[in-house]
C-alpha atoms as a PDB file:
ATOM      1  CA  MET A   1      67.118 -40.066 137.071  1.00  0.00           C
ATOM      2  CA  ASP A   2      69.586 -39.643 140.026  1.00  0.00           C
ATOM      3  CA  THR A   3      68.568 -41.344 143.250  1.00  0.00           C
ATOM      4  CA  SER A   4      68.750 -38.084 145.232  1.00  0.00           C
ATOM      5  CA  ILE A   5      66.467 -36.145 143.036  1.00  0.00           C
ATOM      6  CA  LEU A   6      63.923 -39.305 142.963  1.00  0.00           C
ATOM      7  CA  MET A   7      64.284 -39.028 146.940  1.00  0.00           C
ATOM      8  CA  SER A   8      63.670 -35.154 146.954  1.00  0.00           C
ATOM      9  CA  VAL A   9      60.787 -35.649 144.863  1.00  0.00           C
ATOM     10  CA  LEU A  10      59.284 -38.431 146.894  1.00  0.00           C
ATOM     11  CA  ALA A  11      60.035 -36.375 150.133  1.00  0.00           C
ATOM     12  CA  LEU A  12      58.171 -33.550 148.624  1.00  0.00           C
ATOM     13  CA  ILE A  13      55.156 -35.508 147.617  1.00  0.00           C
ATOM     14  CA  VAL A  14      54.859 -36.807 151.241  1.00  0.00           C
ATOM     15  CA  SER A  15      55.374 -33.446 152.818  1.00  0.00           C
ATOM     16  CA  ALA A  16      52.502 -32.100 150.680  1.00  0.00           C
ATOM     17  CA  LEU A  17      50.324 -34.834 151.353  1.00  0.00           C
ATOM     18  CA  SER A  18      51.116 -34.674 155.054  1.00  0.00           C
ATOM     19  CA  PHE A  19      50.364 -30.849 154.943  1.00  0.00           C
ATOM     20  CA  GLY A  20      47.136 -31.620 153.241  1.00  0.00           C
ATOM     21  CA  VAL A  21      46.096 -34.182 155.874  1.00  0.00           C
ATOM     22  CA  SER A  22      46.953 -31.873 158.632  1.00  0.00           C
ATOM     23  CA  LEU A  23      44.583 -28.980 156.969  1.00  0.00           C
ATOM     24  CA  TYR A  24      41.965 -31.541 156.756  1.00  0.00           C
ATOM     25  CA  SER A  25      41.909 -32.628 160.219  1.00  0.00           C
ATOM     26  CA  THR A  26      42.261 -29.085 161.561  1.00  0.00           C
ATOM     27  CA  ARG A  27      39.194 -28.010 159.687  1.00  0.00           C
ATOM     28  CA  ARG A  28      37.419 -30.903 160.952  1.00  0.00           C
ATOM     29  CA  ASP A  29      38.191 -30.471 164.400  1.00  0.00           C
ATOM     30  CA  SER A  30      37.172 -26.997 164.770  1.00  0.00           C
ATOM     31  CA  ALA A  31      33.522 -26.007 166.043  1.00  0.00           C
ATOM     32  CA  ARG A  32      31.022 -25.409 163.079  1.00  0.00           C
ATOM     33  CA  VAL A  33      27.841 -23.848 164.466  1.00  0.00           C
ATOM     34  CA  LYS A  34      24.822 -23.410 162.493  1.00  0.00           C
ATOM     35  CA  ALA A  35      21.735 -21.557 163.640  1.00  0.00           C
ATOM     36  CA  THR A  36      18.277 -22.069 161.995  1.00  0.00           C
ATOM     37  CA  CYS A  37      14.778 -21.071 162.403  1.00  0.00           C
ATOM     38  CA  ARG A  38      11.429 -22.730 161.881  1.00  0.00           C
ATOM     39  CA  PHE A  39       7.831 -21.558 162.093  1.00  0.00           C
ATOM     40  CA  TYR A  40       5.065 -24.134 162.972  1.00  0.00           C
ATOM     41  CA  PRO A  41       1.377 -22.783 162.189  1.00  0.00           C
ATOM     42  CA  PRO A  42      -1.425 -23.333 164.523  1.00  0.00           C
ATOM     43  CA  SER A  43      -2.632 -26.652 164.158  1.00  0.00           C
ATOM     44  CA  SER A  44      -5.829 -28.471 165.574  1.00  0.00           C
ATOM     45  CA  ARG A  45      -5.654 -32.227 165.971  1.00  0.00           C
ATOM     46  CA  ILE A  46      -9.200 -32.422 167.280  1.00  0.00           C
ATOM     47  CA  GLU A  47     -11.650 -30.370 165.680  1.00  0.00           C
ATOM     48  CA  GLU A  48     -13.439 -29.457 168.851  1.00  0.00           C
ATOM     49  CA  GLN A  49     -10.626 -28.302 170.657  1.00  0.00           C
ATOM     50  CA  PRO A  50      -9.096 -24.700 170.006  1.00  0.00           C
ATOM     51  CA  PRO A  51      -5.954 -24.974 167.853  1.00  0.00           C
ATOM     52  CA  ASP A  52      -2.480 -25.142 169.232  1.00  0.00           C
ATOM     53  CA  PRO A  53      -0.610 -21.927 169.381  1.00  0.00           C
ATOM     54  CA  PRO A  54       1.806 -20.921 166.493  1.00  0.00           C
ATOM     55  CA  ILE A  55       5.366 -22.122 167.455  1.00  0.00           C
ATOM     56  CA  LEU A  56       8.799 -20.531 166.387  1.00  0.00           C
ATOM     57  CA  VAL A  57      11.797 -22.869 166.913  1.00  0.00           C
ATOM     58  CA  ILE A  58      15.318 -21.731 166.888  1.00  0.00           C
ATOM     59  CA  LYS A  59      17.995 -24.254 166.726  1.00  0.00           C
ATOM     60  CA  VAL A  60      21.769 -23.895 167.339  1.00  0.00           C
ATOM     61  CA  ALA A  61      23.757 -26.938 166.298  1.00  0.00           C
ATOM     62  CA  ASN A  62      27.353 -27.556 166.719  1.00  0.00           C
ATOM     63  CA  HIS A  63      28.666 -29.939 163.727  1.00  0.00           C
ATOM     64  CA  GLY A  64      32.170 -29.958 164.598  1.00  0.00           C
ATOM     65  CA  ARG A  65      34.201 -31.625 167.176  1.00  0.00           C
ATOM     66  CA  GLN A  66      35.369 -28.822 169.572  1.00  0.00           C
ATOM     67  CA  PRO A  67      32.944 -27.167 172.052  1.00  0.00           C
ATOM     68  CA  LYS A  68      31.581 -23.468 171.653  1.00  0.00           C
ATOM     69  CA  LYS A  69      30.251 -21.621 174.623  1.00  0.00           C
ATOM     70  CA  LEU A  70      27.141 -19.517 173.613  1.00  0.00           C
ATOM     71  CA  GLU A  71      27.052 -16.060 175.553  1.00  0.00           C
ATOM     72  CA  TYR A  72      24.051 -14.012 174.105  1.00  0.00           C
ATOM     73  CA  MET A  73      21.162 -14.152 171.708  1.00  0.00           C
ATOM     74  CA  HIS A  74      20.951 -10.852 169.877  1.00  0.00           C
ATOM     75  CA  VAL A  75      17.662  -9.425 168.160  1.00  0.00           C
ATOM     76  CA  ARG A  76      17.965  -6.600 165.449  1.00  0.00           C
ATOM     77  CA  TYR A  77      14.654  -4.627 164.827  1.00  0.00           C
ATOM     78  CA  GLU A  78      13.548  -2.726 161.833  1.00  0.00           C
ATOM     79  CA  ASN A  79      14.188   0.571 163.476  1.00  0.00           C
ATOM     80  CA  GLY A  80      17.965  -0.497 163.550  1.00  0.00           C
ATOM     81  CA  ARG A  81      17.873  -1.005 167.614  1.00  0.00           C
ATOM     82  CA  SER A  82      19.264  -4.259 168.857  1.00  0.00           C
ATOM     83  CA  ARG A  83      18.826  -6.335 172.198  1.00  0.00           C
ATOM     84  CA  LEU A  84      20.620  -8.735 174.079  1.00  0.00           C
ATOM     85  CA  VAL A  85      18.158 -11.602 174.961  1.00  0.00           C
ATOM     86  CA  THR A  86      19.601 -13.339 178.189  1.00  0.00           C
ATOM     87  CA  GLU A  87      16.549 -13.984 180.265  1.00  0.00           C
ATOM     88  CA  THR A  88      16.160 -17.892 180.914  1.00  0.00           C
ATOM     89  CA  LEU A  89      17.251 -18.858 177.438  1.00  0.00           C
ATOM     90  CA  TRP A  90      19.189 -21.869 178.862  1.00  0.00           C
ATOM     91  CA  SER A  91      20.647 -23.593 181.769  1.00  0.00           C
ATOM     92  CA  SER A  92      24.092 -22.062 181.902  1.00  0.00           C
ATOM     93  CA  ASP A  93      27.203 -22.595 183.912  1.00  0.00           C
ATOM     94  CA  GLU A  94      28.627 -20.466 186.580  1.00  0.00           C
ATOM     95  CA  HIS A  95      29.583 -17.765 184.271  1.00  0.00           C
ATOM     96  CA  GLY A  96      26.359 -17.566 182.286  1.00  0.00           C
ATOM     97  CA  HIS A  97      27.493 -19.461 179.260  1.00  0.00           C
ATOM     98  CA  PHE A  98      25.761 -22.415 177.520  1.00  0.00           C
ATOM     99  CA  ARG A  99      28.358 -24.993 176.381  1.00  0.00           C
ATOM    100  CA  ILE A 100      27.298 -26.601 173.152  1.00  0.00           C
ATOM    101  CA  GLY A 101      29.458 -29.818 172.590  1.00  0.00           C
ATOM    102  CA  GLU A 102      29.990 -32.050 169.700  1.00  0.00           C
ATOM    103  CA  ASN A 103      26.891 -32.764 167.680  1.00  0.00           C
ATOM    104  CA  ASP A 104      25.035 -30.965 170.506  1.00  0.00           C
ATOM    105  CA  VAL A 105      21.634 -28.998 169.554  1.00  0.00           C
ATOM    106  CA  TYR A 106      20.456 -26.163 171.731  1.00  0.00           C
ATOM    107  CA  GLU A 107      16.662 -25.672 170.894  1.00  0.00           C
ATOM    108  CA  HIS A 108      14.624 -22.584 171.831  1.00  0.00           C
ATOM    109  CA  THR A 109      10.947 -22.757 171.356  1.00  0.00           C
ATOM    110  CA  ILE A 110       9.100 -19.350 171.152  1.00  0.00           C
ATOM    111  CA  THR A 111       5.303 -19.246 171.830  1.00  0.00           C
ATOM    112  CA  PRO A 112       2.596 -16.501 172.529  1.00  0.00           C
ATOM    113  CA  ASP A 113       3.325 -16.471 175.991  1.00  0.00           C
ATOM    114  CA  ASN A 114       7.107 -15.774 175.837  1.00  0.00           C
ATOM    115  CA  ASP A 115       7.442 -14.100 172.664  1.00  0.00           C
ATOM    116  CA  SER A 116       7.873 -10.492 174.035  1.00  0.00           C
ATOM    117  CA  PHE A 117      11.460 -10.045 172.455  1.00  0.00           C
ATOM    118  CA  LEU A 118      10.376 -10.341 169.004  1.00  0.00           C
ATOM    119  CA  MET A 119       8.825  -6.644 169.236  1.00  0.00           C
ATOM    120  CA  ASP A 120      10.552  -3.728 170.873  1.00  0.00           C
ATOM    121  CA  GLU A 121       9.318  -1.050 172.919  1.00  0.00           C
ATOM    122  CA  ASP A 122       8.269   1.038 169.654  1.00  0.00           C
ATOM    123  CA  ARG A 123       6.381  -2.116 168.135  1.00  0.00           C
ATOM    124  CA  SER A 124       9.247  -2.527 165.772  1.00  0.00           C
ATOM    125  CA  LYS A 125       9.438  -6.111 164.552  1.00  0.00           C
ATOM    126  CA  ALA A 126      12.627  -8.282 164.889  1.00  0.00           C
ATOM    127  CA  VAL A 127      14.501  -8.640 161.200  1.00  0.00           C
ATOM    128  CA  SER A 128      17.405 -10.714 162.570  1.00  0.00           C
ATOM    129  CA  ILE A 129      18.659 -13.005 165.405  1.00  0.00           C
ATOM    130  CA  PHE A 130      22.181 -14.109 165.973  1.00  0.00           C
ATOM    131  CA  PHE A 131      24.110 -15.957 168.709  1.00  0.00           C
ATOM    132  CA  GLU A 132      27.452 -14.831 170.042  1.00  0.00           C
ATOM    133  CA  ASP A 133      29.909 -16.888 171.774  1.00  0.00           C
ATOM    134  CA  THR A 134      32.585 -16.087 174.266  1.00  0.00           C
ATOM    135  CA  LEU A 135      35.076 -15.406 171.625  1.00  0.00           C
ATOM    136  CA  ASN A 136      32.822 -12.730 170.161  1.00  0.00           C
ATOM    137  CA  HIS A 137      32.036 -15.128 166.821  1.00  0.00           C
ATOM    138  CA  THR A 138      28.435 -14.451 165.526  1.00  0.00           C
ATOM    139  CA  TYR A 139      26.106 -16.777 164.372  1.00  0.00           C
ATOM    140  CA  ARG A 140      23.249 -15.491 162.239  1.00  0.00           C
ATOM    141  CA  VAL A 141      19.830 -17.642 162.251  1.00  0.00           C
ATOM    142  CA  ARG A 142      19.102 -18.503 158.644  1.00  0.00           C
ATOM    143  CA  ASN A 143      15.569 -17.410 157.218  1.00  0.00           C
ATOM    144  CA  ALA A 144      14.843 -15.638 160.491  1.00  0.00           C
ATOM    145  CA  LYS A 145      13.130 -12.611 159.191  1.00  0.00           C
ATOM    146  CA  LYS A 146      10.803 -14.744 156.839  1.00  0.00           C
ATOM    147  CA  HIS A 147       9.994 -17.123 159.888  1.00  0.00           C
ATOM    148  CA  ILE A 148       9.552 -14.230 162.344  1.00  0.00           C
ATOM    149  CA  ASP A 149       7.187 -12.442 159.919  1.00  0.00           C
ATOM    150  CA  ALA A 150       4.988 -15.684 159.547  1.00  0.00           C
ATOM    151  CA  TYR A 151       4.910 -16.207 163.258  1.00  0.00           C
ATOM    152  CA  LEU A 152       4.003 -12.817 164.182  1.00  0.00           C
ATOM    153  CA  ARG A 153       1.037 -12.868 161.665  1.00  0.00           C
ATOM    154  CA  ALA A 154      -0.218 -15.911 163.058  1.00  0.00           C
ATOM    155  CA  ALA A 155       0.385 -14.871 166.717  1.00  0.00           C
ATOM    156  CA  ARG A 156      -1.882 -11.815 166.060  1.00  0.00           C
ATOM    157  CA  ALA A 157      -4.646 -14.148 164.662  1.00  0.00           C
ATOM    158  CA  TYR A 158      -4.260 -16.625 167.535  1.00  0.00           C
ATOM    159  CA  PRO A 159      -7.236 -16.470 170.146  1.00  0.00           C
ATOM    160  CA  TYR A 160      -5.623 -16.104 173.614  1.00  0.00           C
END
């Protein structure tokens, strides 16, 4: 085999490997935001005391290396309407955005005291929740419908 062909093949292999490493590092450096939801039923640690209220916890985590700025939390209802929820969700910067950096987790806890946004004015239940960042990318909360239904059933039965 000729030396020039061997050098060309080696250069092609090195450039392909370099391109692969570049793609991998670019993917690894981007922000990867995941939103989840979890329902915690009412519990009583001591039998003489009333049970703790039901809790719905929404977590947004950035598993990537680049920060994201979350702008809104959207709630979509059974009747097709949607609503932006912005009231005191997070401590924000001067523009109203919440910066979620590398490996940061934003956690929003919903209790019967602050769950008014889970039902709209027509008493229609929320069916999905998603967050929007400043670049208009949306991040849907996984299993939101299942956990919201369980929470609303428990919240109705909870003695206030």
